[in-house]
Amino acid sequence: MGLIVKSEINNTLYLILSFIAVFSIPVISFVKKQMGQLGNGPKVVVGTGYGGKDGSYTAADVAKHKTQDDLWLIIDGNVYDVTEYVDEHPGGVAAIMKNAGGDATKGFHGPQHPSRVMDIVDEYKIGTLVTRGTSNDE
């Protein structure tokens, strides 16, 4: 009889710990983002001119940032540094990496994204895409 009670307690404890683990991830992400807004988190540095000047980037500039540790995307002509978000992406890392360093507009506006996703992505905006001129690094 004692073994059955121990087993039930272990199962209950396991369920409680699993619940805490699963639901603490969004809370931690929220706190990290809030800390960034308070100035205690990572800073985004926006340059001045093509290649980052005045927050303007060419497609070639964005293409240099295509790894999971340095990931930029273009959405609707805006440039986003989503490096800090890639591991949190609900669709998984592979889904966001498909457009790494490139234009993700089509995928972004797919049926899988709710309308509030724009509020999330705006936190990562670092500039706009320019289609004329060249980058200082080209």
N, C-alpha and C. Protein backbone atom coordinates (compact mmCIF):
# COMPACT_ATOMS: atom_id res chain seq x y z
N MET A 1 0.83 -1.20 0.00
CA MET A 1 0.00 0.00 0.00
C MET A 1 0.86 1.25 0.00
N GLY A 2 1.96 1.22 0.77
CA GLY A 2 2.86 2.36 0.85
C GLY A 2 3.49 2.70 -0.48
N LEU A 3 3.79 1.69 -1.31
CA LEU A 3 4.39 1.93 -2.62
C LEU A 3 3.44 2.65 -3.56
N ILE A 4 2.16 2.32 -3.48
CA ILE A 4 1.17 2.97 -4.33
C ILE A 4 1.06 4.45 -3.98
N VAL A 5 1.05 4.78 -2.71
CA VAL A 5 0.97 6.17 -2.27
C VAL A 5 2.21 6.92 -2.72
N LYS A 6 3.40 6.31 -2.57
CA LYS A 6 4.64 6.96 -3.02
C LYS A 6 4.61 7.20 -4.52
N SER A 7 4.11 6.24 -5.27
CA SER A 7 4.03 6.37 -6.72
C SER A 7 3.10 7.52 -7.11
N GLU A 8 1.97 7.62 -6.43
CA GLU A 8 1.03 8.71 -6.72
C GLU A 8 1.63 10.06 -6.36
N ILE A 9 2.35 10.12 -5.26
CA ILE A 9 3.01 11.36 -4.86
C ILE A 9 4.07 11.73 -5.88
N ASN A 10 4.86 10.76 -6.34
CA ASN A 10 5.89 11.02 -7.35
C ASN A 10 5.26 11.51 -8.65
N ASN A 11 4.16 10.88 -9.06
CA ASN A 11 3.48 11.31 -10.29
C ASN A 11 2.94 12.73 -10.15
N THR A 12 2.36 13.03 -9.02
CA THR A 12 1.83 14.38 -8.77
C THR A 12 2.96 15.40 -8.77
N LEU A 13 4.04 15.07 -8.10
CA LEU A 13 5.19 15.97 -8.06
C LEU A 13 5.76 16.18 -9.45
N TYR A 14 5.85 15.11 -10.24
CA TYR A 14 6.33 15.21 -11.61
C TYR A 14 5.44 16.14 -12.43
N LEU A 15 4.13 15.99 -12.31
CA LEU A 15 3.20 16.84 -13.05
C LEU A 15 3.33 18.30 -12.65
N ILE A 16 3.47 18.56 -11.37
CA ILE A 16 3.61 19.93 -10.89
C ILE A 16 4.90 20.55 -11.41
N LEU A 17 6.00 19.82 -11.34
CA LEU A 17 7.28 20.34 -11.82
C LEU A 17 7.26 20.55 -13.33
N SER A 18 6.62 19.65 -14.06
CA SER A 18 6.49 19.80 -15.51
C SER A 18 5.69 21.05 -15.85
N PHE A 19 4.60 21.26 -15.14
CA PHE A 19 3.76 22.44 -15.35
C PHE A 19 4.57 23.72 -15.11
N ILE A 20 5.31 23.75 -14.02
CA ILE A 20 6.13 24.92 -13.70
C ILE A 20 7.17 25.16 -14.78
N ALA A 21 7.83 24.10 -15.23
CA ALA A 21 8.87 24.24 -16.26
C ALA A 21 8.29 24.79 -17.56
N VAL A 22 7.18 24.24 -18.00
CA VAL A 22 6.58 24.66 -19.27
C VAL A 22 6.10 26.10 -19.23
N PHE A 23 5.46 26.50 -18.15
CA PHE A 23 4.88 27.83 -18.10
C PHE A 23 5.85 28.90 -17.60
N SER A 24 7.01 28.51 -17.12
CA SER A 24 7.98 29.52 -16.69
C SER A 24 8.74 30.10 -17.87
N ILE A 25 8.83 29.38 -18.98
CA ILE A 25 9.57 29.87 -20.14
C ILE A 25 8.98 31.18 -20.67
N PRO A 26 7.66 31.27 -20.93
CA PRO A 26 7.11 32.56 -21.38
C PRO A 26 7.29 33.67 -20.36
N VAL A 27 7.20 33.34 -19.09
CA VAL A 27 7.37 34.36 -18.04
C VAL A 27 8.79 34.89 -18.06
N ILE A 28 9.75 34.00 -18.17
CA ILE A 28 11.16 34.41 -18.22
C ILE A 28 11.41 35.27 -19.45
N SER A 29 10.85 34.88 -20.60
CA SER A 29 11.00 35.66 -21.83
C SER A 29 10.42 37.06 -21.65
N PHE A 30 9.24 37.14 -21.05
CA PHE A 30 8.61 38.43 -20.81
C PHE A 30 9.48 39.30 -19.92
N VAL A 31 10.01 38.74 -18.85
CA VAL A 31 10.85 39.50 -17.93
C VAL A 31 12.11 39.97 -18.64
N LYS A 32 12.72 39.11 -19.46
CA LYS A 32 13.92 39.51 -20.20
C LYS A 32 13.62 40.70 -21.11
N LYS A 33 12.48 40.65 -21.80
CA LYS A 33 12.11 41.75 -22.69
C LYS A 33 11.87 43.03 -21.91
N GLN A 34 11.20 42.91 -20.77
CA GLN A 34 10.93 44.08 -19.94
C GLN A 34 12.24 44.68 -19.42
N MET A 35 13.17 43.84 -19.03
CA MET A 35 14.46 44.33 -18.55
C MET A 35 15.19 45.07 -19.67
N GLY A 36 15.07 44.57 -20.89
CA GLY A 36 15.68 45.26 -22.02
C GLY A 36 15.07 46.63 -22.22
N GLN A 37 13.76 46.75 -22.02
CA GLN A 37 13.10 48.04 -22.16
C GLN A 37 13.49 49.00 -21.05
N LEU A 38 13.92 48.46 -19.92
CA LEU A 38 14.34 49.31 -18.81
C LEU A 38 15.81 49.69 -18.91
N GLY A 39 16.49 49.20 -19.93
CA GLY A 39 17.89 49.55 -20.12
C GLY A 39 18.86 48.60 -19.44
N ASN A 40 18.37 47.50 -18.91
CA ASN A 40 19.26 46.55 -18.26
C ASN A 40 19.54 45.34 -19.13
N GLY A 41 19.08 45.35 -20.36
CA GLY A 41 19.25 44.20 -21.24
C GLY A 41 20.12 44.55 -22.42
N PRO A 42 20.13 43.68 -23.41
CA PRO A 42 20.97 43.91 -24.59
C PRO A 42 20.51 45.15 -25.35
N LYS A 43 21.44 45.85 -25.90
CA LYS A 43 21.15 47.06 -26.65
C LYS A 43 21.29 46.79 -28.14
N VAL A 44 20.43 47.41 -28.93
CA VAL A 44 20.54 47.34 -30.37
C VAL A 44 21.22 48.62 -30.82
N VAL A 45 22.28 48.47 -31.57
CA VAL A 45 23.01 49.64 -32.05
C VAL A 45 22.64 49.87 -33.50
N VAL A 46 22.12 51.03 -33.79
CA VAL A 46 21.77 51.39 -35.15
C VAL A 46 22.79 52.38 -35.64
N GLY A 47 23.37 52.09 -36.80
CA GLY A 47 24.41 52.96 -37.35
C GLY A 47 23.84 54.18 -38.03
N THR A 48 24.66 54.80 -38.88
CA THR A 48 24.24 56.02 -39.54
C THR A 48 24.60 55.98 -41.02
N GLY A 49 23.68 55.72 -41.92
CA GLY A 49 23.88 55.70 -43.36
C GLY A 49 23.74 54.30 -43.92
N TYR A 50 23.85 54.14 -45.24
CA TYR A 50 23.78 52.79 -45.81
C TYR A 50 24.74 51.90 -45.06
N GLY A 51 24.33 50.67 -44.88
CA GLY A 51 25.13 49.78 -44.07
C GLY A 51 24.88 50.07 -42.60
N GLY A 52 23.76 50.68 -42.31
CA GLY A 52 23.42 50.97 -40.93
C GLY A 52 23.22 52.44 -40.67
N LYS A 53 23.62 53.29 -41.59
CA LYS A 53 23.48 54.73 -41.36
C LYS A 53 22.01 55.10 -41.31
N ASP A 54 21.65 55.86 -40.31
CA ASP A 54 20.27 56.30 -40.10
C ASP A 54 19.30 55.13 -40.04
N GLY A 55 19.79 53.96 -39.66
CA GLY A 55 18.93 52.79 -39.57
C GLY A 55 18.52 52.25 -40.91
N SER A 56 19.28 52.56 -41.96
CA SER A 56 18.95 52.05 -43.29
C SER A 56 19.95 50.96 -43.68
N TYR A 57 19.42 49.88 -44.26
CA TYR A 57 20.24 48.74 -44.63
C TYR A 57 19.86 48.27 -46.03
N THR A 58 20.83 47.77 -46.75
CA THR A 58 20.57 47.15 -48.05
C THR A 58 20.31 45.66 -47.82
N ALA A 59 19.80 44.99 -48.84
CA ALA A 59 19.58 43.54 -48.74
C ALA A 59 20.91 42.84 -48.50
N ALA A 60 22.00 43.37 -49.07
CA ALA A 60 23.32 42.78 -48.85
C ALA A 60 23.75 42.89 -47.39
N ASP A 61 23.41 44.01 -46.75
CA ASP A 61 23.72 44.17 -45.32
C ASP A 61 22.99 43.11 -44.50
N VAL A 62 21.71 42.94 -44.80
CA VAL A 62 20.89 41.99 -44.05
C VAL A 62 21.39 40.56 -44.28
N ALA A 63 21.80 40.26 -45.50
CA ALA A 63 22.25 38.91 -45.86
C ALA A 63 23.46 38.45 -45.05
N LYS A 64 24.19 39.37 -44.48
CA LYS A 64 25.37 39.01 -43.67
C LYS A 64 24.97 38.44 -42.31
N HIS A 65 23.71 38.54 -41.96
CA HIS A 65 23.23 38.13 -40.63
C HIS A 65 22.24 36.97 -40.79
N LYS A 66 22.78 35.79 -41.05
CA LYS A 66 21.91 34.65 -41.38
C LYS A 66 22.18 33.40 -40.55
N THR A 67 22.74 33.58 -39.37
CA THR A 67 22.96 32.43 -38.49
C THR A 67 22.05 32.54 -37.27
N GLN A 68 21.89 31.45 -36.57
CA GLN A 68 21.02 31.45 -35.39
C GLN A 68 21.55 32.40 -34.32
N ASP A 69 22.87 32.63 -34.30
CA ASP A 69 23.47 33.53 -33.31
C ASP A 69 23.52 34.97 -33.78
N ASP A 70 23.11 35.24 -35.01
CA ASP A 70 23.12 36.59 -35.58
C ASP A 70 22.11 36.60 -36.72
N LEU A 71 20.85 36.83 -36.39
CA LEU A 71 19.77 36.63 -37.35
C LEU A 71 18.95 37.89 -37.59
N TRP A 72 19.00 38.36 -38.83
CA TRP A 72 18.22 39.50 -39.25
C TRP A 72 17.21 39.04 -40.30
N LEU A 73 16.07 39.73 -40.35
CA LEU A 73 15.03 39.46 -41.34
C LEU A 73 14.51 40.78 -41.90
N ILE A 74 13.98 40.70 -43.10
CA ILE A 74 13.27 41.83 -43.71
C ILE A 74 11.79 41.46 -43.71
N ILE A 75 10.96 42.36 -43.20
CA ILE A 75 9.51 42.17 -43.22
C ILE A 75 8.89 43.50 -43.62
N ASP A 76 8.18 43.50 -44.74
CA ASP A 76 7.51 44.71 -45.23
C ASP A 76 8.46 45.90 -45.34
N GLY A 77 9.67 45.66 -45.80
CA GLY A 77 10.63 46.75 -46.00
C GLY A 77 11.31 47.24 -44.75
N ASN A 78 11.08 46.60 -43.64
CA ASN A 78 11.76 46.94 -42.39
C ASN A 78 12.75 45.84 -42.03
N VAL A 79 13.79 46.21 -41.31
CA VAL A 79 14.84 45.26 -40.93
C VAL A 79 14.73 44.97 -39.44
N TYR A 80 14.78 43.69 -39.11
CA TYR A 80 14.62 43.24 -37.72
C TYR A 80 15.80 42.35 -37.32
N ASP A 81 16.34 42.60 -36.15
CA ASP A 81 17.36 41.72 -35.57
C ASP A 81 16.62 40.82 -34.58
N VAL A 82 16.34 39.60 -35.00
CA VAL A 82 15.55 38.67 -34.19
C VAL A 82 16.41 37.61 -33.50
N THR A 83 17.69 37.91 -33.36
CA THR A 83 18.62 36.98 -32.74
C THR A 83 18.13 36.53 -31.37
N GLU A 84 17.66 37.46 -30.56
CA GLU A 84 17.22 37.14 -29.20
C GLU A 84 15.89 36.37 -29.19
N TYR A 85 15.18 36.40 -30.31
CA TYR A 85 13.85 35.78 -30.37
C TYR A 85 13.86 34.39 -31.01
N VAL A 86 14.86 34.09 -31.82
CA VAL A 86 14.83 32.88 -32.64
C VAL A 86 14.55 31.61 -31.84
N ASP A 87 15.13 31.48 -30.67
CA ASP A 87 14.90 30.28 -29.86
C ASP A 87 13.51 30.24 -29.23
N GLU A 88 12.83 31.37 -29.19
CA GLU A 88 11.48 31.46 -28.60
C GLU A 88 10.38 31.30 -29.65
N HIS A 89 10.75 31.29 -30.93
CA HIS A 89 9.77 31.25 -32.01
C HIS A 89 8.86 30.03 -31.85
N PRO A 90 7.54 30.26 -31.73
CA PRO A 90 6.61 29.14 -31.50
C PRO A 90 6.63 28.09 -32.60
N GLY A 91 6.97 28.49 -33.81
CA GLY A 91 7.03 27.54 -34.92
C GLY A 91 8.34 26.78 -35.00
N GLY A 92 9.25 27.08 -34.09
CA GLY A 92 10.53 26.40 -34.06
C GLY A 92 11.62 27.19 -34.77
N VAL A 93 12.85 26.84 -34.48
CA VAL A 93 14.01 27.51 -35.05
C VAL A 93 14.04 27.33 -36.57
N ALA A 94 13.76 26.13 -37.05
CA ALA A 94 13.84 25.85 -38.50
C ALA A 94 12.91 26.75 -39.30
N ALA A 95 11.73 27.03 -38.76
CA ALA A 95 10.76 27.85 -39.47
C ALA A 95 11.27 29.27 -39.68
N ILE A 96 11.90 29.84 -38.68
CA ILE A 96 12.39 31.21 -38.79
C ILE A 96 13.71 31.26 -39.57
N MET A 97 14.48 30.17 -39.54
CA MET A 97 15.76 30.14 -40.24
C MET A 97 15.59 30.05 -41.76
N LYS A 98 14.41 29.65 -42.24
CA LYS A 98 14.17 29.55 -43.68
C LYS A 98 14.44 30.87 -44.39
N ASN A 99 14.20 31.98 -43.72
CA ASN A 99 14.38 33.30 -44.33
C ASN A 99 15.52 34.08 -43.70
N ALA A 100 16.39 33.40 -42.98
CA ALA A 100 17.50 34.07 -42.29
C ALA A 100 18.31 34.92 -43.26
N GLY A 101 18.50 36.18 -42.91
CA GLY A 101 19.27 37.08 -43.75
C GLY A 101 18.55 37.53 -45.00
N GLY A 102 17.25 37.29 -45.07
CA GLY A 102 16.51 37.65 -46.28
C GLY A 102 15.12 38.17 -45.97
N ASP A 103 14.30 38.18 -47.03
CA ASP A 103 12.95 38.73 -46.92
C ASP A 103 11.98 37.66 -46.41
N ALA A 104 11.40 37.91 -45.26
CA ALA A 104 10.47 36.97 -44.63
C ALA A 104 9.03 37.46 -44.71
N THR A 105 8.77 38.47 -45.54
CA THR A 105 7.45 39.08 -45.60
C THR A 105 6.35 38.07 -45.89
N LYS A 106 6.54 37.25 -46.92
CA LYS A 106 5.50 36.29 -47.32
C LYS A 106 5.20 35.31 -46.18
N GLY A 107 6.21 34.73 -45.59
CA GLY A 107 6.01 33.79 -44.50
C GLY A 107 5.43 34.44 -43.26
N PHE A 108 5.84 35.68 -43.02
CA PHE A 108 5.36 36.41 -41.85
C PHE A 108 3.86 36.65 -41.91
N HIS A 109 3.35 36.93 -43.09
CA HIS A 109 1.93 37.22 -43.25
C HIS A 109 1.10 35.97 -43.53
N GLY A 110 1.67 34.81 -43.27
CA GLY A 110 0.94 33.56 -43.46
C GLY A 110 -0.15 33.36 -42.42
N PRO A 111 -1.01 32.38 -42.65
CA PRO A 111 -2.15 32.15 -41.75
C PRO A 111 -1.76 31.67 -40.35
N GLN A 112 -0.51 31.24 -40.18
CA GLN A 112 -0.07 30.75 -38.88
C GLN A 112 0.18 31.87 -37.87
N HIS A 113 0.28 33.11 -38.33
CA HIS A 113 0.58 34.22 -37.43
C HIS A 113 -0.68 35.02 -37.10
N PRO A 114 -0.98 35.19 -35.82
CA PRO A 114 -2.10 36.06 -35.44
C PRO A 114 -1.73 37.53 -35.67
N SER A 115 -2.71 38.39 -35.70
CA SER A 115 -2.46 39.81 -35.99
C SER A 115 -1.57 40.46 -34.93
N ARG A 116 -1.58 39.96 -33.71
CA ARG A 116 -0.78 40.57 -32.64
C ARG A 116 0.72 40.30 -32.79
N VAL A 117 1.09 39.45 -33.75
CA VAL A 117 2.50 39.13 -33.91
C VAL A 117 3.31 40.37 -34.32
N MET A 118 2.66 41.34 -34.96
CA MET A 118 3.35 42.57 -35.35
C MET A 118 3.81 43.34 -34.12
N ASP A 119 3.04 43.30 -33.05
CA ASP A 119 3.44 43.97 -31.81
C ASP A 119 4.70 43.33 -31.25
N ILE A 120 4.82 42.03 -31.39
CA ILE A 120 6.00 41.32 -30.89
C ILE A 120 7.22 41.68 -31.73
N VAL A 121 7.08 41.62 -33.04
CA VAL A 121 8.23 41.82 -33.93
C VAL A 121 8.72 43.26 -33.91
N ASP A 122 7.85 44.22 -33.63
CA ASP A 122 8.26 45.63 -33.58
C ASP A 122 9.35 45.88 -32.55
N GLU A 123 9.39 45.06 -31.51
CA GLU A 123 10.43 45.21 -30.49
C GLU A 123 11.83 44.97 -31.06
N TYR A 124 11.91 44.27 -32.19
CA TYR A 124 13.19 43.88 -32.76
C TYR A 124 13.58 44.71 -33.99
N LYS A 125 12.78 45.72 -34.32
CA LYS A 125 13.07 46.54 -35.51
C LYS A 125 14.33 47.37 -35.27
N ILE A 126 15.25 47.31 -36.25
CA ILE A 126 16.48 48.10 -36.15
C ILE A 126 16.63 49.11 -37.27
N GLY A 127 15.76 49.03 -38.28
CA GLY A 127 15.88 49.98 -39.37
C GLY A 127 14.98 49.63 -40.53
N THR A 128 15.28 50.26 -41.68
CA THR A 128 14.49 50.03 -42.88
C THR A 128 15.39 49.57 -44.01
N LEU A 129 14.78 48.92 -44.98
CA LEU A 129 15.50 48.43 -46.15
C LEU A 129 15.56 49.54 -47.19
N VAL A 130 16.74 49.75 -47.75
CA VAL A 130 16.88 50.70 -48.85
C VAL A 130 17.16 49.89 -50.10
N THR A 131 16.56 50.32 -51.21
CA THR A 131 16.72 49.56 -52.45
C THR A 131 17.65 50.24 -53.43
N ARG A 132 18.04 51.45 -53.14
CA ARG A 132 19.00 52.12 -54.04
C ARG A 132 20.24 52.48 -53.26
N GLY A 133 21.30 52.72 -53.96
CA GLY A 133 22.57 52.99 -53.28
C GLY A 133 23.22 51.68 -52.89
N THR A 134 24.36 51.80 -52.27
CA THR A 134 25.09 50.60 -51.88
C THR A 134 25.55 50.71 -50.45
N SER A 135 25.87 49.59 -49.90
CA SER A 135 26.37 49.53 -48.53
C SER A 135 27.81 50.01 -48.49
N ASN A 136 28.23 50.57 -47.37
CA ASN A 136 29.63 50.96 -47.19
C ASN A 136 30.55 49.76 -47.20
N ASP A 137 30.00 48.57 -46.91
CA ASP A 137 30.82 47.37 -46.82
C ASP A 137 30.91 46.61 -48.13
N GLU A 138 30.18 47.03 -49.14
CA GLU A 138 30.16 46.28 -50.40
C GLU A 138 31.33 46.67 -51.27
